[in-house]
Amino acid sequence: KIDYYINYHSLNDNADLFRNPPGNLTIKVL
């Protein structure tokens, strides 16, 4: 199980990269 802790603006500016993550990967905004 992977928890991916990410900067809010990095996620917002690169949203196309984070579509449809695998089920065992959780994106968590800091």
Full PDB file with SEQRES, HELIX, SHEET, SSBOND, CRYST1, ORIGX, SCALE, CONECT and MASTER records, all heavy atoms in Angstrom:
SEQRES   1 A   30  LYS ILE ASP TYR TYR ILE ASN TYR HIS SER LEU ASN ASP          
SEQRES   2 A   30  ASN ALA ASP LEU PHE ARG ASN PRO PRO GLY ASN LEU THR          
SEQRES   3 A   30  ILE LYS VAL LEU                                              
HELIX    1 AA1 TYR A    8  ASP A   13  1                                   6    
HELIX    2 AA2 ALA A   15  PHE A   18  5                                   4    
SHEET    1 AA1 2 ILE A   2  ILE A   6  0                                        
SHEET    2 AA1 2 LEU A  25  VAL A  29  1                                        
CRYST1    1.000    1.000    1.000  90.00  90.00  90.00 P 1           1          
ORIGX1      1.000000  0.000000  0.000000        0.00000                         
ORIGX2      0.000000  1.000000  0.000000        0.00000                         
ORIGX3      0.000000  0.000000  1.000000        0.00000                         
SCALE1      1.000000  0.000000  0.000000        0.00000                         
SCALE2      0.000000  1.000000  0.000000        0.00000                         
SCALE3      0.000000  0.000000  1.000000        0.00000                         
ATOM      1  N   LYS A   1       0.864  -1.185   0.000  1.00  0.00           N  
ATOM      2  CA  LYS A   1       0.000   0.000   0.000  1.00  0.00           C  
ATOM      3  C   LYS A   1       0.897   1.229   0.000  1.00  0.00           C  
ATOM      4  O   LYS A   1       1.798   1.348   0.837  1.00  0.00           O  
ATOM      5  CB  LYS A   1      -0.907   0.016   1.221  1.00  0.00           C  
ATOM      6  CG  LYS A   1      -1.885   1.183   1.251  1.00  0.00           C  
ATOM      7  CD  LYS A   1      -2.752   1.138   2.496  1.00  0.00           C  
ATOM      8  CE  LYS A   1      -3.825   2.227   2.460  1.00  0.00           C  
ATOM      9  NZ  LYS A   1      -3.258   3.575   2.284  1.00  0.00           N  
ATOM     10  N   ILE A   2       0.667   2.138  -0.972  1.00  0.00           N  
ATOM     11  CA  ILE A   2       1.475   3.339  -1.087  1.00  0.00           C  
ATOM     12  C   ILE A   2       0.629   4.567  -0.790  1.00  0.00           C  
ATOM     13  O   ILE A   2      -0.430   4.765  -1.386  1.00  0.00           O  
ATOM     14  CB  ILE A   2       2.084   3.463  -2.498  1.00  0.00           C  
ATOM     15  CG1 ILE A   2       3.020   2.289  -2.775  1.00  0.00           C  
ATOM     16  CG2 ILE A   2       2.834   4.790  -2.645  1.00  0.00           C  
ATOM     17  CD1 ILE A   2       3.597   2.286  -4.174  1.00  0.00           C  
ATOM     18  N   ASP A   3       1.093   5.375   0.134  1.00  0.00           N  
ATOM     19  CA  ASP A   3       0.500   6.687   0.381  1.00  0.00           C  
ATOM     20  C   ASP A   3       1.421   7.733  -0.229  1.00  0.00           C  
ATOM     21  O   ASP A   3       2.604   7.832   0.142  1.00  0.00           O  
ATOM     22  CB  ASP A   3       0.334   6.945   1.873  1.00  0.00           C  
ATOM     23  CG  ASP A   3      -0.753   6.082   2.492  1.00  0.00           C  
ATOM     24  OD1 ASP A   3      -1.654   5.651   1.750  1.00  0.00           O  
ATOM     25  OD2 ASP A   3      -0.691   5.831   3.719  1.00  0.00           O  
ATOM     26  N   TYR A   4       0.904   8.481  -1.165  1.00  0.00           N  
ATOM     27  CA  TYR A   4       1.686   9.479  -1.913  1.00  0.00           C  
ATOM     28  C   TYR A   4       1.313  10.855  -1.374  1.00  0.00           C  
ATOM     29  O   TYR A   4       0.245  11.376  -1.660  1.00  0.00           O  
ATOM     30  CB  TYR A   4       1.350   9.356  -3.398  1.00  0.00           C  
ATOM     31  CG  TYR A   4       2.192  10.160  -4.366  1.00  0.00           C  
ATOM     32  CD1 TYR A   4       2.843   9.549  -5.426  1.00  0.00           C  
ATOM     33  CD2 TYR A   4       2.317  11.540  -4.254  1.00  0.00           C  
ATOM     34  CE1 TYR A   4       3.604  10.275  -6.347  1.00  0.00           C  
ATOM     35  CE2 TYR A   4       3.080  12.271  -5.148  1.00  0.00           C  
ATOM     36  CZ  TYR A   4       3.711  11.633  -6.195  1.00  0.00           C  
ATOM     37  OH  TYR A   4       4.455  12.365  -7.095  1.00  0.00           O  
ATOM     38  N   TYR A   5       2.200  11.445  -0.579  1.00  0.00           N  
ATOM     39  CA  TYR A   5       1.962  12.762   0.016  1.00  0.00           C  
ATOM     40  C   TYR A   5       2.500  13.829  -0.930  1.00  0.00           C  
ATOM     41  O   TYR A   5       3.695  13.866  -1.226  1.00  0.00           O  
ATOM     42  CB  TYR A   5       2.656  12.851   1.378  1.00  0.00           C  
ATOM     43  CG  TYR A   5       2.074  11.919   2.410  1.00  0.00           C  
ATOM     44  CD1 TYR A   5       2.542  10.616   2.542  1.00  0.00           C  
ATOM     45  CD2 TYR A   5       1.052  12.341   3.261  1.00  0.00           C  
ATOM     46  CE1 TYR A   5       2.008   9.750   3.491  1.00  0.00           C  
ATOM     47  CE2 TYR A   5       0.514  11.490   4.210  1.00  0.00           C  
ATOM     48  CZ  TYR A   5       0.993  10.193   4.319  1.00  0.00           C  
ATOM     49  OH  TYR A   5       0.451   9.344   5.269  1.00  0.00           O  
ATOM     50  N   ILE A   6       1.611  14.717  -1.381  1.00  0.00           N  
ATOM     51  CA  ILE A   6       1.991  15.635  -2.454  1.00  0.00           C  
ATOM     52  C   ILE A   6       1.656  17.081  -2.125  1.00  0.00           C  
ATOM     53  O   ILE A   6       0.684  17.374  -1.406  1.00  0.00           O  
ATOM     54  CB  ILE A   6       1.297  15.209  -3.772  1.00  0.00           C  
ATOM     55  CG1 ILE A   6       1.853  15.992  -4.967  1.00  0.00           C  
ATOM     56  CG2 ILE A   6      -0.217  15.339  -3.676  1.00  0.00           C  
ATOM     57  CD1 ILE A   6       1.424  15.451  -6.315  1.00  0.00           C  
ATOM     58  N   ASN A   7       2.464  17.969  -2.667  1.00  0.00           N  
ATOM     59  CA  ASN A   7       2.211  19.404  -2.577  1.00  0.00           C  
ATOM     60  C   ASN A   7       0.935  19.748  -3.355  1.00  0.00           C  
ATOM     61  O   ASN A   7       0.724  19.268  -4.471  1.00  0.00           O  
ATOM     62  CB  ASN A   7       3.409  20.140  -3.165  1.00  0.00           C  
ATOM     63  CG  ASN A   7       3.306  21.643  -3.052  1.00  0.00           C  
ATOM     64  OD1 ASN A   7       2.525  22.275  -3.749  1.00  0.00           O  
ATOM     65  ND2 ASN A   7       4.130  22.229  -2.202  1.00  0.00           N  
ATOM     66  N   TYR A   8       0.108  20.567  -2.767  1.00  0.00           N  
ATOM     67  CA  TYR A   8      -1.175  20.928  -3.382  1.00  0.00           C  
ATOM     68  C   TYR A   8      -1.008  21.495  -4.789  1.00  0.00           C  
ATOM     69  O   TYR A   8      -1.730  21.119  -5.718  1.00  0.00           O  
ATOM     70  CB  TYR A   8      -1.892  21.948  -2.489  1.00  0.00           C  
ATOM     71  CG  TYR A   8      -3.091  22.604  -3.145  1.00  0.00           C  
ATOM     72  CD1 TYR A   8      -4.293  21.925  -3.295  1.00  0.00           C  
ATOM     73  CD2 TYR A   8      -3.005  23.917  -3.633  1.00  0.00           C  
ATOM     74  CE1 TYR A   8      -5.387  22.521  -3.906  1.00  0.00           C  
ATOM     75  CE2 TYR A   8      -4.084  24.517  -4.246  1.00  0.00           C  
ATOM     76  CZ  TYR A   8      -5.271  23.821  -4.386  1.00  0.00           C  
ATOM     77  OH  TYR A   8      -6.339  24.411  -5.001  1.00  0.00           O  
ATOM     78  N   HIS A   9      -0.054  22.416  -4.979  1.00  0.00           N  
ATOM     79  CA  HIS A   9       0.101  23.066  -6.276  1.00  0.00           C  
ATOM     80  C   HIS A   9       0.713  22.135  -7.317  1.00  0.00           C  
ATOM     81  O   HIS A   9       0.400  22.226  -8.500  1.00  0.00           O  
ATOM     82  CB  HIS A   9       0.928  24.347  -6.131  1.00  0.00           C  
ATOM     83  CG  HIS A   9       0.253  25.384  -5.289  1.00  0.00           C  
ATOM     84  ND1 HIS A   9      -0.927  25.986  -5.659  1.00  0.00           N  
ATOM     85  CD2 HIS A   9       0.584  25.894  -4.072  1.00  0.00           C  
ATOM     86  CE1 HIS A   9      -1.291  26.850  -4.712  1.00  0.00           C  
ATOM     87  NE2 HIS A   9      -0.399  26.805  -3.746  1.00  0.00           N  
ATOM     88  N   SER A  10       1.579  21.233  -6.885  1.00  0.00           N  
ATOM     89  CA  SER A  10       2.125  20.247  -7.818  1.00  0.00           C  
ATOM     90  C   SER A  10       1.006  19.375  -8.377  1.00  0.00           C  
ATOM     91  O   SER A  10       0.977  19.068  -9.572  1.00  0.00           O  
ATOM     92  CB  SER A  10       3.162  19.362  -7.121  1.00  0.00           C  
ATOM     93  OG  SER A  10       4.318  20.088  -6.809  1.00  0.00           O  
ATOM     94  N   LEU A  11       0.108  18.969  -7.513  1.00  0.00           N  
ATOM     95  CA  LEU A  11      -1.021  18.156  -7.958  1.00  0.00           C  
ATOM     96  C   LEU A  11      -1.944  18.950  -8.867  1.00  0.00           C  
ATOM     97  O   LEU A  11      -2.359  18.486  -9.933  1.00  0.00           O  
ATOM     98  CB  LEU A  11      -1.800  17.638  -6.744  1.00  0.00           C  
ATOM     99  CG  LEU A  11      -3.051  16.807  -7.054  1.00  0.00           C  
ATOM    100  CD1 LEU A  11      -2.687  15.546  -7.833  1.00  0.00           C  
ATOM    101  CD2 LEU A  11      -3.776  16.444  -5.759  1.00  0.00           C  
ATOM    102  N   ASN A  12      -2.237  20.183  -8.467  1.00  0.00           N  
ATOM    103  CA  ASN A  12      -3.153  21.020  -9.235  1.00  0.00           C  
ATOM    104  C   ASN A  12      -2.604  21.355 -10.615  1.00  0.00           C  
ATOM    105  O   ASN A  12      -3.331  21.328 -11.619  1.00  0.00           O  
ATOM    106  CB  ASN A  12      -3.440  22.309  -8.461  1.00  0.00           C  
ATOM    107  CG  ASN A  12      -4.545  23.125  -9.082  1.00  0.00           C  
ATOM    108  OD1 ASN A  12      -5.661  22.649  -9.254  1.00  0.00           O  
ATOM    109  ND2 ASN A  12      -4.242  24.364  -9.425  1.00  0.00           N  
ATOM    110  N   ASP A  13      -1.299  21.641 -10.695  1.00  0.00           N  
ATOM    111  CA  ASP A  13      -0.683  22.040 -11.959  1.00  0.00           C  
ATOM    112  C   ASP A  13      -0.402  20.860 -12.877  1.00  0.00           C  
ATOM    113  O   ASP A  13      -0.131  21.052 -14.065  1.00  0.00           O  
ATOM    114  CB  ASP A  13       0.625  22.791 -11.703  1.00  0.00           C  
ATOM    115  CG  ASP A  13       0.403  24.143 -11.050  1.00  0.00           C  
ATOM    116  OD1 ASP A  13      -0.754  24.596 -11.021  1.00  0.00           O  
ATOM    117  OD2 ASP A  13       1.373  24.737 -10.547  1.00  0.00           O  
ATOM    118  N   ASN A  14      -0.425  19.654 -12.327  1.00  0.00           N  
ATOM    119  CA  ASN A  14      -0.103  18.465 -13.119  1.00  0.00           C  
ATOM    120  C   ASN A  14      -1.177  17.394 -12.959  1.00  0.00           C  
ATOM    121  O   ASN A  14      -0.893  16.195 -12.904  1.00  0.00           O  
ATOM    122  CB  ASN A  14       1.253  17.903 -12.691  1.00  0.00           C  
ATOM    123  CG  ASN A  14       2.383  18.887 -12.886  1.00  0.00           C  
ATOM    124  OD1 ASN A  14       2.927  19.027 -13.966  1.00  0.00           O  
ATOM    125  ND2 ASN A  14       2.741  19.602 -11.811  1.00  0.00           N  
ATOM    126  N   ALA A  15      -2.430  17.853 -12.930  1.00  0.00           N  
ATOM    127  CA  ALA A  15      -3.534  16.942 -12.655  1.00  0.00           C  
ATOM    128  C   ALA A  15      -3.619  15.808 -13.678  1.00  0.00           C  
ATOM    129  O   ALA A  15      -4.062  14.698 -13.353  1.00  0.00           O  
ATOM    130  CB  ALA A  15      -4.851  17.725 -12.635  1.00  0.00           C  
ATOM    131  N   ASP A  16      -3.181  16.073 -14.921  1.00  0.00           N  
ATOM    132  CA  ASP A  16      -3.269  15.047 -15.960  1.00  0.00           C  
ATOM    133  C   ASP A  16      -2.401  13.830 -15.640  1.00  0.00           C  
ATOM    134  O   ASP A  16      -2.673  12.727 -16.123  1.00  0.00           O  
ATOM    135  CB  ASP A  16      -2.881  15.622 -17.322  1.00  0.00           C  
ATOM    136  CG  ASP A  16      -1.515  16.284 -17.340  1.00  0.00           C  
ATOM    137  OD1 ASP A  16      -1.207  17.015 -16.381  1.00  0.00           O  
ATOM    138  OD2 ASP A  16      -0.763  16.093 -18.305  1.00  0.00           O  
ATOM    139  N   LEU A  17      -1.376  14.016 -14.817  1.00  0.00           N  
ATOM    140  CA  LEU A  17      -0.500  12.899 -14.472  1.00  0.00           C  
ATOM    141  C   LEU A  17      -1.115  11.974 -13.422  1.00  0.00           C  
ATOM    142  O   LEU A  17      -0.691  10.827 -13.285  1.00  0.00           O  
ATOM    143  CB  LEU A  17       0.831  13.423 -13.926  1.00  0.00           C  
ATOM    144  CG  LEU A  17       1.781  14.116 -14.902  1.00  0.00           C  
ATOM    145  CD1 LEU A  17       3.015  14.609 -14.150  1.00  0.00           C  
ATOM    146  CD2 LEU A  17       2.186  13.192 -16.030  1.00  0.00           C  
ATOM    147  N   PHE A  18      -2.083  12.475 -12.677  1.00  0.00           N  
ATOM    148  CA  PHE A  18      -2.560  11.734 -11.514  1.00  0.00           C  
ATOM    149  C   PHE A  18      -3.946  11.123 -11.697  1.00  0.00           C  
ATOM    150  O   PHE A  18      -4.577  10.725 -10.729  1.00  0.00           O  
ATOM    151  CB  PHE A  18      -2.532  12.651 -10.285  1.00  0.00           C  
ATOM    152  CG  PHE A  18      -1.141  12.985  -9.850  1.00  0.00           C  
ATOM    153  CD1 PHE A  18      -0.487  14.104 -10.357  1.00  0.00           C  
ATOM    154  CD2 PHE A  18      -0.461  12.172  -8.973  1.00  0.00           C  
ATOM    155  CE1 PHE A  18       0.809  14.407  -9.977  1.00  0.00           C  
ATOM    156  CE2 PHE A  18       0.840  12.466  -8.588  1.00  0.00           C  
ATOM    157  CZ  PHE A  18       1.478  13.581  -9.088  1.00  0.00           C  
ATOM    158  N   ARG A  19      -4.384  11.047 -12.926  1.00  0.00           N  
ATOM    159  CA  ARG A  19      -5.678  10.420 -13.186  1.00  0.00           C  
ATOM    160  C   ARG A  19      -5.575   8.900 -13.067  1.00  0.00           C  
ATOM    161  O   ARG A  19      -4.584   8.300 -13.455  1.00  0.00           O  
ATOM    162  CB  ARG A  19      -6.172  10.791 -14.583  1.00  0.00           C  
ATOM    163  CG  ARG A  19      -6.455  12.274 -14.746  1.00  0.00           C  
ATOM    164  CD  ARG A  19      -7.031  12.591 -16.113  1.00  0.00           C  
ATOM    165  NE  ARG A  19      -7.195  14.029 -16.295  1.00  0.00           N  
ATOM    166  CZ  ARG A  19      -6.751  14.707 -17.329  1.00  0.00           C  
ATOM    167  NH1 ARG A  19      -6.097  14.082 -18.290  1.00  0.00           N  
ATOM    168  NH2 ARG A  19      -6.939  16.017 -17.413  1.00  0.00           N  
ATOM    169  N   ASN A  20      -6.597   8.292 -12.502  1.00  0.00           N  
ATOM    170  CA  ASN A  20      -6.727   6.834 -12.423  1.00  0.00           C  
ATOM    171  C   ASN A  20      -5.524   6.144 -11.784  1.00  0.00           C  
ATOM    172  O   ASN A  20      -4.886   5.267 -12.387  1.00  0.00           O  
ATOM    173  CB  ASN A  20      -6.956   6.251 -13.830  1.00  0.00           C  
ATOM    174  CG  ASN A  20      -8.157   6.851 -14.519  1.00  0.00           C  
ATOM    175  OD1 ASN A  20      -9.220   6.992 -13.909  1.00  0.00           O  
ATOM    176  ND2 ASN A  20      -8.005   7.209 -15.780  1.00  0.00           N  
ATOM    177  N   PRO A  21      -5.187   6.499 -10.546  1.00  0.00           N  
ATOM    178  CA  PRO A  21      -4.087   5.797  -9.874  1.00  0.00           C  
ATOM    179  C   PRO A  21      -4.473   4.352  -9.576  1.00  0.00           C  
ATOM    180  O   PRO A  21      -5.659   4.024  -9.452  1.00  0.00           O  
ATOM    181  CB  PRO A  21      -3.911   6.596  -8.586  1.00  0.00           C  
ATOM    182  CG  PRO A  21      -5.250   7.208  -8.329  1.00  0.00           C  
ATOM    183  CD  PRO A  21      -5.817   7.509  -9.685  1.00  0.00           C  
ATOM    184  N   PRO A  22      -3.493   3.449  -9.456  1.00  0.00           N  
ATOM    185  CA  PRO A  22      -3.795   2.070  -9.064  1.00  0.00           C  
ATOM    186  C   PRO A  22      -4.523   2.036  -7.722  1.00  0.00           C  
ATOM    187  O   PRO A  22      -4.390   2.948  -6.904  1.00  0.00           O  
ATOM    188  CB  PRO A  22      -2.399   1.428  -8.958  1.00  0.00           C  
ATOM    189  CG  PRO A  22      -1.513   2.282  -9.810  1.00  0.00           C  
ATOM    190  CD  PRO A  22      -2.058   3.670  -9.702  1.00  0.00           C  
ATOM    191  N   GLY A  23      -5.274   0.966  -7.490  1.00  0.00           N  
ATOM    192  CA  GLY A  23      -6.094   0.878  -6.286  1.00  0.00           C  
ATOM    193  C   GLY A  23      -5.306   0.898  -4.997  1.00  0.00           C  
ATOM    194  O   GLY A  23      -5.839   1.283  -3.948  1.00  0.00           O  
ATOM    195  N   ASN A  24      -4.053   0.484  -5.061  1.00  0.00           N  
ATOM    196  CA  ASN A  24      -3.231   0.458  -3.838  1.00  0.00           C  
ATOM    197  C   ASN A  24      -2.371   1.701  -3.672  1.00  0.00           C  
ATOM    198  O   ASN A  24      -1.461   1.737  -2.846  1.00  0.00           O  
ATOM    199  CB  ASN A  24      -2.352  -0.796  -3.819  1.00  0.00           C  
ATOM    200  CG  ASN A  24      -1.443  -0.909  -5.038  1.00  0.00           C  
ATOM    201  OD1 ASN A  24      -1.773  -0.415  -6.120  1.00  0.00           O  
ATOM    202  ND2 ASN A  24      -0.310  -1.580  -4.884  1.00  0.00           N  
ATOM    203  N   LEU A  25      -2.663   2.728  -4.467  1.00  0.00           N  
ATOM    204  CA  LEU A  25      -1.960   4.015  -4.366  1.00  0.00           C  
ATOM    205  C   LEU A  25      -2.955   5.101  -3.988  1.00  0.00           C  
ATOM    206  O   LEU A  25      -3.920   5.368  -4.716  1.00  0.00           O  
ATOM    207  CB  LEU A  25      -1.292   4.351  -5.702  1.00  0.00           C  
ATOM    208  CG  LEU A  25      -0.645   5.746  -5.816  1.00  0.00           C  
ATOM    209  CD1 LEU A  25       0.493   5.891  -4.816  1.00  0.00           C  
ATOM    210  CD2 LEU A  25      -0.143   5.990  -7.227  1.00  0.00           C  
ATOM    211  N   THR A  26      -2.731   5.739  -2.846  1.00  0.00           N  
ATOM    212  CA  THR A  26      -3.614   6.795  -2.357  1.00  0.00           C  
ATOM    213  C   THR A  26      -2.890   8.138  -2.415  1.00  0.00           C  
ATOM    214  O   THR A  26      -1.782   8.277  -1.873  1.00  0.00           O  
ATOM    215  CB  THR A  26      -4.054   6.517  -0.910  1.00  0.00           C  
ATOM    216  OG1 THR A  26      -4.693   5.242  -0.844  1.00  0.00           O  
ATOM    217  CG2 THR A  26      -5.014   7.592  -0.426  1.00  0.00           C  
ATOM    218  N   ILE A  27      -3.494   9.112  -3.093  1.00  0.00           N  
ATOM    219  CA  ILE A  27      -2.927  10.450  -3.193  1.00  0.00           C  
ATOM    220  C   ILE A  27      -3.407  11.277  -1.997  1.00  0.00           C  
ATOM    221  O   ILE A  27      -4.611  11.424  -1.784  1.00  0.00           O  
ATOM    222  CB  ILE A  27      -3.342  11.143  -4.502  1.00  0.00           C  
ATOM    223  CG1 ILE A  27      -3.080  10.239  -5.708  1.00  0.00           C  
ATOM    224  CG2 ILE A  27      -2.634  12.484  -4.653  1.00  0.00           C  
ATOM    225  CD1 ILE A  27      -1.638   9.890  -5.933  1.00  0.00           C  
ATOM    226  N   LYS A  28      -2.469  11.815  -1.231  1.00  0.00           N  
ATOM    227  CA  LYS A  28      -2.812  12.584  -0.041  1.00  0.00           C  
ATOM    228  C   LYS A  28      -2.196  13.977  -0.138  1.00  0.00           C  
ATOM    229  O   LYS A  28      -0.963  14.121  -0.126  1.00  0.00           O  
ATOM    230  CB  LYS A  28      -2.315  11.867   1.217  1.00  0.00           C  
ATOM    231  CG  LYS A  28      -2.973  10.498   1.439  1.00  0.00           C  
ATOM    232  CD  LYS A  28      -2.642   9.925   2.805  1.00  0.00           C  
ATOM    233  CE  LYS A  28      -3.442   8.663   3.066  1.00  0.00           C  
ATOM    234  NZ  LYS A  28      -3.238   8.134   4.433  1.00  0.00           N  
ATOM    235  N   VAL A  29      -3.041  14.988  -0.228  1.00  0.00           N  
ATOM    236  CA  VAL A  29      -2.565  16.370  -0.331  1.00  0.00           C  
ATOM    237  C   VAL A  29      -2.120  16.867   1.038  1.00  0.00           C  
ATOM    238  O   VAL A  29      -2.826  16.692   2.037  1.00  0.00           O  
ATOM    239  CB  VAL A  29      -3.665  17.283  -0.898  1.00  0.00           C  
ATOM    240  CG1 VAL A  29      -3.180  18.732  -0.950  1.00  0.00           C  
ATOM    241  CG2 VAL A  29      -4.088  16.812  -2.286  1.00  0.00           C  
ATOM    242  N   LEU A  30      -0.955  17.482   1.068  1.00  0.00           N  
ATOM    243  CA  LEU A  30      -0.434  18.048   2.311  1.00  0.00           C  
ATOM    244  C   LEU A  30      -1.095  19.400   2.580  1.00  0.00           C  
ATOM    245  O   LEU A  30      -0.939  20.348   1.808  1.00  0.00           O  
ATOM    246  CB  LEU A  30       1.087  18.197   2.214  1.00  0.00           C  
ATOM    247  CG  LEU A  30       1.839  16.868   2.212  1.00  0.00           C  
ATOM    248  CD1 LEU A  30       3.243  17.038   1.640  1.00  0.00           C  
ATOM    249  CD2 LEU A  30       1.893  16.285   3.615  1.00  0.00           C  
TER     250      LEU A  30                                                      
MASTER        0    0    0    2    2    0    0    6  249    1    0    3          
END                                                                             
